[in-house]
Amino acid sequence: MNDRVISDQELVRQYIAGDHSSLERLIKKHESKIFSYIMLIIKDKHLAEDIFQDTFIKVINTLKAGAYNEEGKFLPWVMRIAHNLIIDHFRKSKRMPTIDNSEDYDIFETLRIFDYTIEDKMVIEQIHKDVKTLIEYLPDEQKQVLKMRHYGDMSFKEIAEQTNVSINTALGRMRYALINLRKIVEEKSVILTR
């Protein structure tokens, strides 16, 4: 192996011409950046390894099919493939978390799920809009506490002081707001996922 720096474009050309070691050099050259990117989003080493492998399987298949036309832009092209596979993974696995009978369930936790792409941001914005609409169906006292807590970022002590009730009453109203919000979601058949 010579020490001269070979461009990605040249390595791709060599691989397509039958030099399989060129692909190995390409992978070694970029694996740290690509794997780090996948790991940053996935946060699971084994799953990240699977997606990394799937990325290069897709790269190999595309190169063998002669469908690669991103001359000089190999790394961004591979990163885009990895990104799309990550999105596919989340689409397959992301469902509405099961609403169990636990009174500790906080519907707002479903709003804090993954926020990576423009599409994800649009979906989350729609979820926020849907939840705000559903909140309007709550009794006024519950609605007030819920809005102060989640949109006003107020502590229960602050809520209690501002609404002239005890902290326990504020907590109770919040608890019932969440229970009722769950019932409304079920009644309205609102799906808070894509």
N, C-alpha and C. Protein backbone atom coordinates (compact mmCIF):
# COMPACT_ATOMS: atom_id res chain seq x y z
N MET A 1 0.85 -1.18 0.00
CA MET A 1 0.00 0.00 0.00
C MET A 1 0.89 1.24 0.00
N ASN A 2 0.65 2.15 -0.93
CA ASN A 2 1.51 3.32 -0.94
C ASN A 2 0.97 4.39 0.00
N ASP A 3 1.85 5.32 0.34
CA ASP A 3 1.52 6.32 1.35
C ASP A 3 0.87 7.58 0.78
N ARG A 4 0.79 7.68 -0.53
CA ARG A 4 0.22 8.91 -1.08
C ARG A 4 -1.27 8.98 -0.76
N VAL A 5 -1.75 10.20 -0.60
CA VAL A 5 -3.16 10.41 -0.29
C VAL A 5 -3.96 10.25 -1.57
N ILE A 6 -4.93 9.33 -1.50
CA ILE A 6 -5.79 9.10 -2.67
C ILE A 6 -7.16 9.66 -2.35
N SER A 7 -7.72 10.38 -3.28
CA SER A 7 -9.02 11.00 -3.05
C SER A 7 -10.11 9.93 -2.95
N ASP A 8 -11.21 10.31 -2.33
CA ASP A 8 -12.35 9.41 -2.25
C ASP A 8 -12.83 9.03 -3.64
N GLN A 9 -12.84 10.02 -4.51
CA GLN A 9 -13.29 9.80 -5.89
C GLN A 9 -12.45 8.71 -6.56
N GLU A 10 -11.14 8.77 -6.35
CA GLU A 10 -10.24 7.78 -6.95
C GLU A 10 -10.45 6.40 -6.32
N LEU A 11 -10.64 6.36 -5.00
CA LEU A 11 -10.88 5.09 -4.32
C LEU A 11 -12.19 4.46 -4.79
N VAL A 12 -13.21 5.28 -4.97
CA VAL A 12 -14.48 4.77 -5.49
C VAL A 12 -14.28 4.20 -6.89
N ARG A 13 -13.56 4.95 -7.73
CA ARG A 13 -13.30 4.50 -9.10
C ARG A 13 -12.56 3.16 -9.09
N GLN A 14 -11.54 3.04 -8.21
CA GLN A 14 -10.77 1.79 -8.11
C GLN A 14 -11.65 0.63 -7.64
N TYR A 15 -12.54 0.91 -6.68
CA TYR A 15 -13.42 -0.16 -6.18
C TYR A 15 -14.35 -0.64 -7.29
N ILE A 16 -14.92 0.32 -8.02
CA ILE A 16 -15.83 -0.04 -9.12
C ILE A 16 -15.08 -0.84 -10.18
N ALA A 17 -13.79 -0.55 -10.35
CA ALA A 17 -12.96 -1.27 -11.32
C ALA A 17 -12.54 -2.65 -10.81
N GLY A 18 -12.89 -2.98 -9.56
CA GLY A 18 -12.60 -4.32 -9.05
C GLY A 18 -11.59 -4.41 -7.92
N ASP A 19 -11.03 -3.30 -7.47
CA ASP A 19 -10.06 -3.31 -6.37
C ASP A 19 -10.82 -3.19 -5.03
N HIS A 20 -11.09 -4.35 -4.43
CA HIS A 20 -11.90 -4.36 -3.20
C HIS A 20 -11.18 -3.72 -2.01
N SER A 21 -9.87 -3.66 -2.04
CA SER A 21 -9.15 -3.02 -0.93
C SER A 21 -9.41 -1.51 -0.90
N SER A 22 -9.82 -0.94 -2.02
CA SER A 22 -10.12 0.50 -2.07
C SER A 22 -11.33 0.83 -1.20
N LEU A 23 -12.31 -0.06 -1.19
CA LEU A 23 -13.48 0.17 -0.34
C LEU A 23 -13.07 0.09 1.12
N GLU A 24 -12.21 -0.86 1.43
CA GLU A 24 -11.73 -1.00 2.81
C GLU A 24 -11.01 0.29 3.24
N ARG A 25 -10.23 0.86 2.36
CA ARG A 25 -9.54 2.11 2.67
C ARG A 25 -10.53 3.25 2.87
N LEU A 26 -11.57 3.29 2.05
CA LEU A 26 -12.61 4.32 2.19
C LEU A 26 -13.31 4.20 3.55
N ILE A 27 -13.64 2.96 3.90
CA ILE A 27 -14.33 2.73 5.18
C ILE A 27 -13.44 3.16 6.34
N LYS A 28 -12.18 2.72 6.31
CA LYS A 28 -11.26 3.08 7.40
C LYS A 28 -11.04 4.59 7.48
N LYS A 29 -11.01 5.22 6.33
CA LYS A 29 -10.79 6.67 6.27
C LYS A 29 -11.93 7.44 6.94
N HIS A 30 -13.17 6.94 6.81
CA HIS A 30 -14.33 7.70 7.27
C HIS A 30 -15.11 7.06 8.41
N GLU A 31 -14.71 5.84 8.83
CA GLU A 31 -15.55 5.14 9.80
C GLU A 31 -15.73 5.90 11.11
N SER A 32 -14.70 6.60 11.56
CA SER A 32 -14.80 7.31 12.83
C SER A 32 -15.89 8.39 12.78
N LYS A 33 -15.88 9.20 11.71
CA LYS A 33 -16.88 10.26 11.56
C LYS A 33 -18.29 9.68 11.43
N ILE A 34 -18.42 8.66 10.59
CA ILE A 34 -19.74 8.09 10.32
C ILE A 34 -20.28 7.39 11.57
N PHE A 35 -19.45 6.57 12.19
CA PHE A 35 -19.91 5.85 13.38
C PHE A 35 -20.23 6.82 14.52
N SER A 36 -19.40 7.84 14.69
CA SER A 36 -19.65 8.83 15.75
C SER A 36 -20.98 9.53 15.52
N TYR A 37 -21.27 9.86 14.28
CA TYR A 37 -22.54 10.51 13.94
C TYR A 37 -23.72 9.61 14.29
N ILE A 38 -23.62 8.34 13.88
CA ILE A 38 -24.71 7.39 14.16
C ILE A 38 -24.88 7.22 15.67
N MET A 39 -23.76 7.06 16.35
CA MET A 39 -23.78 6.83 17.80
C MET A 39 -24.35 8.04 18.55
N LEU A 40 -24.05 9.23 18.06
CA LEU A 40 -24.55 10.46 18.68
C LEU A 40 -26.08 10.48 18.70
N ILE A 41 -26.68 9.96 17.67
CA ILE A 41 -28.13 9.96 17.57
C ILE A 41 -28.75 8.71 18.19
N ILE A 42 -28.19 7.56 17.90
CA ILE A 42 -28.77 6.28 18.34
C ILE A 42 -28.52 6.01 19.82
N LYS A 43 -27.32 6.34 20.30
CA LYS A 43 -26.94 6.14 21.70
C LYS A 43 -27.03 4.68 22.16
N ASP A 44 -26.82 3.76 21.23
CA ASP A 44 -26.81 2.33 21.54
C ASP A 44 -25.75 1.72 20.63
N LYS A 45 -24.65 1.24 21.25
CA LYS A 45 -23.50 0.80 20.46
C LYS A 45 -23.84 -0.31 19.48
N HIS A 46 -24.59 -1.32 19.94
CA HIS A 46 -24.91 -2.45 19.07
C HIS A 46 -25.81 -2.03 17.90
N LEU A 47 -26.78 -1.21 18.20
CA LEU A 47 -27.67 -0.72 17.15
C LEU A 47 -26.91 0.19 16.19
N ALA A 48 -26.02 1.01 16.74
CA ALA A 48 -25.20 1.89 15.89
C ALA A 48 -24.32 1.06 14.96
N GLU A 49 -23.76 -0.03 15.47
CA GLU A 49 -22.94 -0.92 14.64
C GLU A 49 -23.77 -1.52 13.51
N ASP A 50 -25.00 -1.93 13.83
CA ASP A 50 -25.89 -2.48 12.80
C ASP A 50 -26.18 -1.46 11.72
N ILE A 51 -26.49 -0.23 12.13
CA ILE A 51 -26.79 0.82 11.16
C ILE A 51 -25.55 1.16 10.34
N PHE A 52 -24.38 1.17 10.99
CA PHE A 52 -23.12 1.41 10.27
C PHE A 52 -22.93 0.35 9.19
N GLN A 53 -23.15 -0.92 9.56
CA GLN A 53 -22.99 -2.00 8.57
C GLN A 53 -24.02 -1.87 7.45
N ASP A 54 -25.27 -1.58 7.82
CA ASP A 54 -26.31 -1.41 6.81
C ASP A 54 -25.98 -0.26 5.86
N THR A 55 -25.36 0.78 6.41
CA THR A 55 -24.95 1.92 5.59
C THR A 55 -23.99 1.47 4.51
N PHE A 56 -22.99 0.68 4.90
CA PHE A 56 -22.00 0.27 3.90
C PHE A 56 -22.49 -0.84 2.98
N ILE A 57 -23.47 -1.59 3.43
CA ILE A 57 -24.11 -2.55 2.52
C ILE A 57 -24.82 -1.77 1.42
N LYS A 58 -25.49 -0.70 1.81
CA LYS A 58 -26.19 0.14 0.83
C LYS A 58 -25.17 0.83 -0.09
N VAL A 59 -24.06 1.28 0.48
CA VAL A 59 -22.99 1.90 -0.33
C VAL A 59 -22.49 0.91 -1.37
N ILE A 60 -22.18 -0.31 -0.92
CA ILE A 60 -21.65 -1.34 -1.82
C ILE A 60 -22.66 -1.65 -2.93
N ASN A 61 -23.92 -1.85 -2.54
CA ASN A 61 -24.95 -2.17 -3.54
C ASN A 61 -25.11 -1.05 -4.56
N THR A 62 -25.05 0.19 -4.09
CA THR A 62 -25.18 1.34 -5.00
C THR A 62 -23.98 1.42 -5.94
N LEU A 63 -22.78 1.22 -5.39
CA LEU A 63 -21.58 1.27 -6.23
C LEU A 63 -21.58 0.14 -7.25
N LYS A 64 -21.95 -1.08 -6.81
CA LYS A 64 -21.96 -2.23 -7.73
C LYS A 64 -23.01 -2.06 -8.82
N ALA A 65 -24.10 -1.39 -8.48
CA ALA A 65 -25.17 -1.17 -9.47
C ALA A 65 -24.82 -0.04 -10.43
N GLY A 66 -23.70 0.65 -10.17
CA GLY A 66 -23.29 1.75 -11.04
C GLY A 66 -24.17 2.98 -10.85
N ALA A 67 -24.83 3.07 -9.70
CA ALA A 67 -25.77 4.18 -9.47
C ALA A 67 -25.15 5.33 -8.69
N TYR A 68 -23.86 5.25 -8.38
CA TYR A 68 -23.20 6.32 -7.63
C TYR A 68 -22.82 7.43 -8.60
N ASN A 69 -23.27 8.66 -8.30
CA ASN A 69 -22.93 9.78 -9.18
C ASN A 69 -22.61 11.03 -8.39
N GLU A 70 -22.15 10.85 -7.17
CA GLU A 70 -21.84 11.98 -6.29
C GLU A 70 -20.34 12.29 -6.35
N GLU A 71 -19.81 12.43 -7.52
CA GLU A 71 -18.38 12.62 -7.72
C GLU A 71 -17.78 13.62 -6.73
N GLY A 72 -16.80 13.17 -5.99
CA GLY A 72 -16.08 14.05 -5.07
C GLY A 72 -16.82 14.35 -3.78
N LYS A 73 -17.99 13.76 -3.59
CA LYS A 73 -18.78 14.04 -2.39
C LYS A 73 -19.13 12.74 -1.67
N PHE A 74 -18.17 11.85 -1.56
CA PHE A 74 -18.43 10.52 -0.99
C PHE A 74 -18.90 10.59 0.46
N LEU A 75 -18.18 11.31 1.31
CA LEU A 75 -18.54 11.35 2.73
C LEU A 75 -19.94 11.93 2.95
N PRO A 76 -20.28 13.08 2.38
CA PRO A 76 -21.65 13.58 2.57
C PRO A 76 -22.72 12.59 2.07
N TRP A 77 -22.40 11.90 0.98
CA TRP A 77 -23.32 10.91 0.43
C TRP A 77 -23.52 9.76 1.42
N VAL A 78 -22.44 9.24 2.00
CA VAL A 78 -22.53 8.15 2.97
C VAL A 78 -23.25 8.63 4.24
N MET A 79 -22.96 9.85 4.67
CA MET A 79 -23.62 10.39 5.85
C MET A 79 -25.13 10.50 5.62
N ARG A 80 -25.51 10.86 4.41
CA ARG A 80 -26.93 10.96 4.08
C ARG A 80 -27.59 9.57 4.13
N ILE A 81 -26.88 8.56 3.63
CA ILE A 81 -27.40 7.18 3.70
C ILE A 81 -27.57 6.78 5.16
N ALA A 82 -26.54 7.04 5.98
CA ALA A 82 -26.62 6.70 7.41
C ALA A 82 -27.79 7.43 8.07
N HIS A 83 -27.93 8.71 7.77
CA HIS A 83 -29.00 9.51 8.34
C HIS A 83 -30.37 8.93 7.97
N ASN A 84 -30.53 8.57 6.70
CA ASN A 84 -31.80 8.00 6.25
C ASN A 84 -32.10 6.67 6.94
N LEU A 85 -31.07 5.85 7.15
CA LEU A 85 -31.27 4.59 7.86
C LEU A 85 -31.64 4.82 9.32
N ILE A 86 -31.07 5.85 9.92
CA ILE A 86 -31.43 6.20 11.30
C ILE A 86 -32.90 6.61 11.35
N ILE A 87 -33.31 7.46 10.41
CA ILE A 87 -34.71 7.90 10.35
C ILE A 87 -35.62 6.70 10.14
N ASP A 88 -35.24 5.80 9.23
CA ASP A 88 -36.04 4.59 9.00
C ASP A 88 -36.18 3.79 10.29
N HIS A 89 -35.09 3.68 11.04
CA HIS A 89 -35.13 2.95 12.31
C HIS A 89 -36.15 3.59 13.25
N PHE A 90 -36.11 4.92 13.38
CA PHE A 90 -37.03 5.59 14.28
C PHE A 90 -38.47 5.48 13.79
N ARG A 91 -38.65 5.53 12.49
CA ARG A 91 -40.02 5.39 11.95
C ARG A 91 -40.59 4.01 12.29
N LYS A 92 -39.74 2.99 12.16
CA LYS A 92 -40.20 1.63 12.45
C LYS A 92 -40.46 1.42 13.93
N SER A 93 -39.62 2.02 14.77
CA SER A 93 -39.71 1.75 16.21
C SER A 93 -40.54 2.76 16.98
N LYS A 94 -40.73 3.95 16.43
CA LYS A 94 -41.40 5.01 17.18
C LYS A 94 -42.91 4.85 17.08
N ARG A 95 -43.50 4.54 18.20
CA ARG A 95 -44.95 4.43 18.30
C ARG A 95 -45.38 5.20 19.52
N MET A 96 -46.65 5.43 19.62
CA MET A 96 -47.19 6.09 20.81
C MET A 96 -46.86 5.22 22.01
N PRO A 97 -46.18 5.76 23.01
CA PRO A 97 -45.92 4.96 24.19
C PRO A 97 -47.26 4.49 24.77
N THR A 98 -47.28 3.24 25.19
CA THR A 98 -48.51 2.69 25.75
C THR A 98 -48.91 3.49 26.97
N ILE A 99 -50.14 3.89 26.99
CA ILE A 99 -50.64 4.63 28.14
C ILE A 99 -51.14 3.60 29.13
N ASP A 100 -50.37 3.39 30.19
CA ASP A 100 -50.79 2.42 31.19
C ASP A 100 -51.66 3.11 32.23
N ASN A 101 -52.05 2.37 33.22
CA ASN A 101 -52.94 2.92 34.24
C ASN A 101 -52.19 3.69 35.31
N SER A 102 -50.90 3.88 35.14
CA SER A 102 -50.11 4.61 36.13
C SER A 102 -50.52 6.07 36.14
N GLU A 103 -50.77 6.58 37.32
CA GLU A 103 -51.16 7.98 37.42
C GLU A 103 -49.95 8.89 37.30
N ASP A 104 -48.75 8.30 37.28
CA ASP A 104 -47.54 9.09 37.14
C ASP A 104 -47.24 9.40 35.68
N TYR A 105 -48.00 8.81 34.76
CA TYR A 105 -47.77 9.03 33.34
C TYR A 105 -47.93 10.50 33.02
N ASP A 106 -46.99 11.02 32.29
CA ASP A 106 -47.01 12.43 31.91
C ASP A 106 -47.06 12.51 30.39
N ILE A 107 -48.19 12.90 29.85
CA ILE A 107 -48.35 12.94 28.40
C ILE A 107 -47.32 13.85 27.73
N PHE A 108 -46.80 14.81 28.49
CA PHE A 108 -45.83 15.73 27.91
C PHE A 108 -44.49 15.05 27.65
N GLU A 109 -44.23 13.92 28.29
CA GLU A 109 -42.99 13.18 28.01
C GLU A 109 -42.99 12.69 26.57
N THR A 110 -44.17 12.42 26.01
CA THR A 110 -44.22 11.96 24.62
C THR A 110 -43.81 13.06 23.67
N LEU A 111 -43.86 14.29 24.14
CA LEU A 111 -43.48 15.41 23.28
C LEU A 111 -41.98 15.64 23.25
N ARG A 112 -41.25 14.97 24.15
CA ARG A 112 -39.80 15.19 24.22
C ARG A 112 -39.02 14.14 23.45
N ILE A 113 -39.72 13.33 22.66
CA ILE A 113 -39.07 12.29 21.88
C ILE A 113 -38.37 12.94 20.69
N PHE A 114 -37.29 12.37 20.27
CA PHE A 114 -36.47 12.71 19.12
C PHE A 114 -36.85 13.97 18.33
N ASP A 115 -35.87 14.82 18.14
CA ASP A 115 -36.10 16.07 17.42
C ASP A 115 -34.90 16.29 16.51
N TYR A 116 -34.82 15.54 15.40
CA TYR A 116 -33.61 15.56 14.59
C TYR A 116 -33.76 16.23 13.23
N THR A 117 -34.85 15.95 12.56
CA THR A 117 -34.97 16.45 11.19
C THR A 117 -36.08 17.49 11.10
N ILE A 118 -36.16 18.12 9.95
CA ILE A 118 -37.24 19.08 9.70
C ILE A 118 -38.58 18.36 9.79
N GLU A 119 -38.62 17.14 9.25
CA GLU A 119 -39.86 16.35 9.32
C GLU A 119 -40.24 16.09 10.77
N ASP A 120 -39.25 15.70 11.60
CA ASP A 120 -39.52 15.45 13.01
C ASP A 120 -40.03 16.72 13.68
N LYS A 121 -39.42 17.85 13.36
CA LYS A 121 -39.86 19.12 13.97
C LYS A 121 -41.30 19.44 13.58
N MET A 122 -41.65 19.17 12.32
CA MET A 122 -43.01 19.41 11.86
C MET A 122 -44.00 18.51 12.60
N VAL A 123 -43.62 17.24 12.78
CA VAL A 123 -44.48 16.30 13.50
C VAL A 123 -44.66 16.76 14.94
N ILE A 124 -43.57 17.16 15.58
CA ILE A 124 -43.64 17.60 16.98
C ILE A 124 -44.48 18.87 17.10
N GLU A 125 -44.33 19.79 16.14
CA GLU A 125 -45.16 20.99 16.17
C GLU A 125 -46.65 20.63 16.08
N GLN A 126 -46.96 19.64 15.23
CA GLN A 126 -48.35 19.20 15.10
C GLN A 126 -48.83 18.56 16.40
N ILE A 127 -47.97 17.79 17.04
CA ILE A 127 -48.32 17.16 18.32
C ILE A 127 -48.62 18.24 19.35
N HIS A 128 -47.75 19.24 19.44
CA HIS A 128 -47.97 20.34 20.38
C HIS A 128 -49.32 21.02 20.11
N LYS A 129 -49.59 21.24 18.84
CA LYS A 129 -50.85 21.88 18.46
C LYS A 129 -52.03 21.01 18.88
N ASP A 130 -51.92 19.68 18.62
CA ASP A 130 -52.99 18.75 19.00
C ASP A 130 -53.20 18.74 20.52
N VAL A 131 -52.10 18.70 21.27
CA VAL A 131 -52.20 18.66 22.74
C VAL A 131 -52.83 19.96 23.25
N LYS A 132 -52.42 21.09 22.70
CA LYS A 132 -53.02 22.37 23.13
C LYS A 132 -54.52 22.39 22.86
N THR A 133 -54.93 21.82 21.73
CA THR A 133 -56.35 21.73 21.43
C THR A 133 -57.06 20.84 22.45
N LEU A 134 -56.45 19.70 22.76
CA LEU A 134 -57.06 18.76 23.72
C LEU A 134 -57.14 19.35 25.12
N ILE A 135 -56.16 20.17 25.49
CA ILE A 135 -56.15 20.79 26.82
C ILE A 135 -57.40 21.65 27.01
N GLU A 136 -57.89 22.23 25.93
CA GLU A 136 -59.06 23.10 26.02
C GLU A 136 -60.31 22.34 26.48
N TYR A 137 -60.31 21.00 26.36
CA TYR A 137 -61.45 20.19 26.80
C TYR A 137 -61.44 19.96 28.32
N LEU A 138 -60.35 20.31 28.98
CA LEU A 138 -60.24 20.08 30.43
C LEU A 138 -61.06 21.11 31.21
N PRO A 139 -61.46 20.74 32.44
CA PRO A 139 -62.09 21.74 33.32
C PRO A 139 -61.10 22.89 33.57
N ASP A 140 -61.63 24.10 33.77
CA ASP A 140 -60.80 25.30 33.87
C ASP A 140 -59.67 25.20 34.91
N GLU A 141 -59.97 24.68 36.10
CA GLU A 141 -58.93 24.62 37.14
C GLU A 141 -57.79 23.70 36.73
N GLN A 142 -58.13 22.56 36.11
CA GLN A 142 -57.09 21.62 35.66
C GLN A 142 -56.30 22.22 34.50
N LYS A 143 -57.02 22.86 33.60
CA LYS A 143 -56.37 23.49 32.44
C LYS A 143 -55.37 24.56 32.91
N GLN A 144 -55.79 25.35 33.88
CA GLN A 144 -54.95 26.43 34.38
C GLN A 144 -53.65 25.88 34.99
N VAL A 145 -53.75 24.87 35.84
CA VAL A 145 -52.56 24.29 36.49
C VAL A 145 -51.64 23.66 35.45
N LEU A 146 -52.23 22.93 34.51
CA LEU A 146 -51.43 22.25 33.48
C LEU A 146 -50.66 23.27 32.64
N LYS A 147 -51.34 24.35 32.23
CA LYS A 147 -50.67 25.37 31.42
C LYS A 147 -49.57 26.08 32.20
N MET A 148 -49.85 26.38 33.47
CA MET A 148 -48.84 27.06 34.29
C MET A 148 -47.60 26.18 34.47
N ARG A 149 -47.84 24.90 34.66
CA ARG A 149 -46.73 23.97 34.91
C ARG A 149 -45.91 23.72 33.64
N HIS A 150 -46.58 23.39 32.54
CA HIS A 150 -45.85 22.97 31.34
C HIS A 150 -45.52 24.10 30.38
N TYR A 151 -46.36 25.10 30.31
CA TYR A 151 -46.08 26.20 29.39
C TYR A 151 -45.47 27.40 30.11
N GLY A 152 -45.81 27.53 31.39
CA GLY A 152 -45.25 28.62 32.18
C GLY A 152 -44.03 28.20 32.97
N ASP A 153 -43.73 26.90 32.95
CA ASP A 153 -42.57 26.33 33.63
C ASP A 153 -42.53 26.74 35.11
N MET A 154 -43.70 26.75 35.73
CA MET A 154 -43.79 27.17 37.12
C MET A 154 -43.73 25.95 38.05
N SER A 155 -43.19 26.16 39.24
CA SER A 155 -43.17 25.09 40.23
C SER A 155 -44.57 24.97 40.83
N PHE A 156 -44.83 23.83 41.49
CA PHE A 156 -46.14 23.67 42.12
C PHE A 156 -46.33 24.67 43.26
N LYS A 157 -45.25 25.07 43.89
CA LYS A 157 -45.34 26.08 44.95
C LYS A 157 -45.80 27.41 44.34
N GLU A 158 -45.20 27.78 43.20
CA GLU A 158 -45.58 29.03 42.53
C GLU A 158 -47.03 28.98 42.05
N ILE A 159 -47.42 27.80 41.53
CA ILE A 159 -48.80 27.64 41.05
C ILE A 159 -49.77 27.79 42.23
N ALA A 160 -49.44 27.13 43.34
CA ALA A 160 -50.30 27.20 44.53
C ALA A 160 -50.46 28.64 44.99
N GLU A 161 -49.35 29.39 45.04
CA GLU A 161 -49.40 30.78 45.48
C GLU A 161 -50.24 31.64 44.53
N GLN A 162 -50.04 31.45 43.23
CA GLN A 162 -50.74 32.29 42.25
C GLN A 162 -52.23 31.97 42.17
N THR A 163 -52.60 30.71 42.45
CA THR A 163 -54.01 30.33 42.35
C THR A 163 -54.71 30.30 43.71
N ASN A 164 -53.96 30.68 44.76
CA ASN A 164 -54.51 30.72 46.12
C ASN A 164 -55.07 29.38 46.59
N VAL A 165 -54.31 28.30 46.30
CA VAL A 165 -54.68 26.98 46.80
C VAL A 165 -53.45 26.35 47.45
N SER A 166 -53.64 25.22 48.12
CA SER A 166 -52.49 24.53 48.72
C SER A 166 -51.70 23.81 47.63
N ILE A 167 -50.46 23.47 47.96
CA ILE A 167 -49.63 22.72 47.00
C ILE A 167 -50.31 21.40 46.68
N ASN A 168 -50.88 20.74 47.70
CA ASN A 168 -51.56 19.46 47.46
C ASN A 168 -52.73 19.61 46.49
N THR A 169 -53.45 20.71 46.59
CA THR A 169 -54.56 20.95 45.67
C THR A 169 -54.02 21.16 44.25
N ALA A 170 -52.94 21.91 44.12
CA ALA A 170 -52.32 22.13 42.80
C ALA A 170 -51.85 20.81 42.20
N LEU A 171 -51.20 19.98 43.05
CA LEU A 171 -50.75 18.66 42.59
C LEU A 171 -51.93 17.80 42.17
N GLY A 172 -52.99 17.83 42.96
CA GLY A 172 -54.18 17.04 42.65
C GLY A 172 -54.81 17.46 41.33
N ARG A 173 -54.89 18.78 41.12
CA ARG A 173 -55.45 19.28 39.86
C ARG A 173 -54.61 18.83 38.66
N MET A 174 -53.29 18.86 38.85
CA MET A 174 -52.40 18.41 37.78
C MET A 174 -52.61 16.93 37.50
N ARG A 175 -52.69 16.15 38.58
CA ARG A 175 -52.89 14.70 38.45
C ARG A 175 -54.17 14.43 37.67
N TYR A 176 -55.26 15.08 38.05
CA TYR A 176 -56.54 14.87 37.37
C TYR A 176 -56.51 15.40 35.94
N ALA A 177 -55.77 16.47 35.73
CA ALA A 177 -55.64 17.01 34.37
C ALA A 177 -55.01 15.96 33.46
N LEU A 178 -53.96 15.30 33.94
CA LEU A 178 -53.28 14.29 33.13
C LEU A 178 -54.16 13.06 32.92
N ILE A 179 -54.88 12.65 33.98
CA ILE A 179 -55.80 11.51 33.85
C ILE A 179 -56.88 11.84 32.82
N ASN A 180 -57.46 13.03 32.93
CA ASN A 180 -58.51 13.43 31.99
C ASN A 180 -57.98 13.63 30.58
N LEU A 181 -56.77 14.12 30.46
CA LEU A 181 -56.16 14.31 29.14
C LEU A 181 -55.99 12.95 28.46
N ARG A 182 -55.57 11.94 29.23
CA ARG A 182 -55.46 10.58 28.69
C ARG A 182 -56.80 10.10 28.17
N LYS A 183 -57.86 10.33 28.94
CA LYS A 183 -59.20 9.89 28.53
C LYS A 183 -59.62 10.62 27.25
N ILE A 184 -59.33 11.90 27.19
CA ILE A 184 -59.69 12.69 26.00
C ILE A 184 -58.94 12.16 24.78
N VAL A 185 -57.66 11.85 24.95
CA VAL A 185 -56.86 11.31 23.84
C VAL A 185 -57.50 10.02 23.34
N GLU A 186 -57.88 9.14 24.28
CA GLU A 186 -58.50 7.88 23.88
C GLU A 186 -59.84 8.11 23.19
N GLU A 187 -60.64 9.02 23.72
CA GLU A 187 -61.95 9.31 23.13
C GLU A 187 -61.83 9.92 21.75
N LYS A 188 -60.88 10.81 21.59
CA LYS A 188 -60.72 11.51 20.31
C LYS A 188 -59.88 10.70 19.33
N SER A 189 -59.33 9.56 19.81
CA SER A 189 -58.47 8.71 18.98
C SER A 189 -57.33 9.50 18.36
N VAL A 190 -56.74 10.40 19.16
CA VAL A 190 -55.61 11.19 18.66
C VAL A 190 -54.35 10.36 18.79
N ILE A 191 -53.61 10.25 17.72
CA ILE A 191 -52.36 9.51 17.75
C ILE A 191 -51.23 10.52 17.80
N LEU A 192 -50.44 10.44 18.87
CA LEU A 192 -49.37 11.44 19.05
C LEU A 192 -48.04 10.96 18.50
N THR A 193 -48.09 10.23 17.39
CA THR A 193 -46.86 9.84 16.70
C THR A 193 -47.09 10.09 15.22
N ARG A 194 -46.06 9.78 14.42
CA ARG A 194 -46.24 10.00 12.99
C ARG A 194 -47.25 9.04 12.45
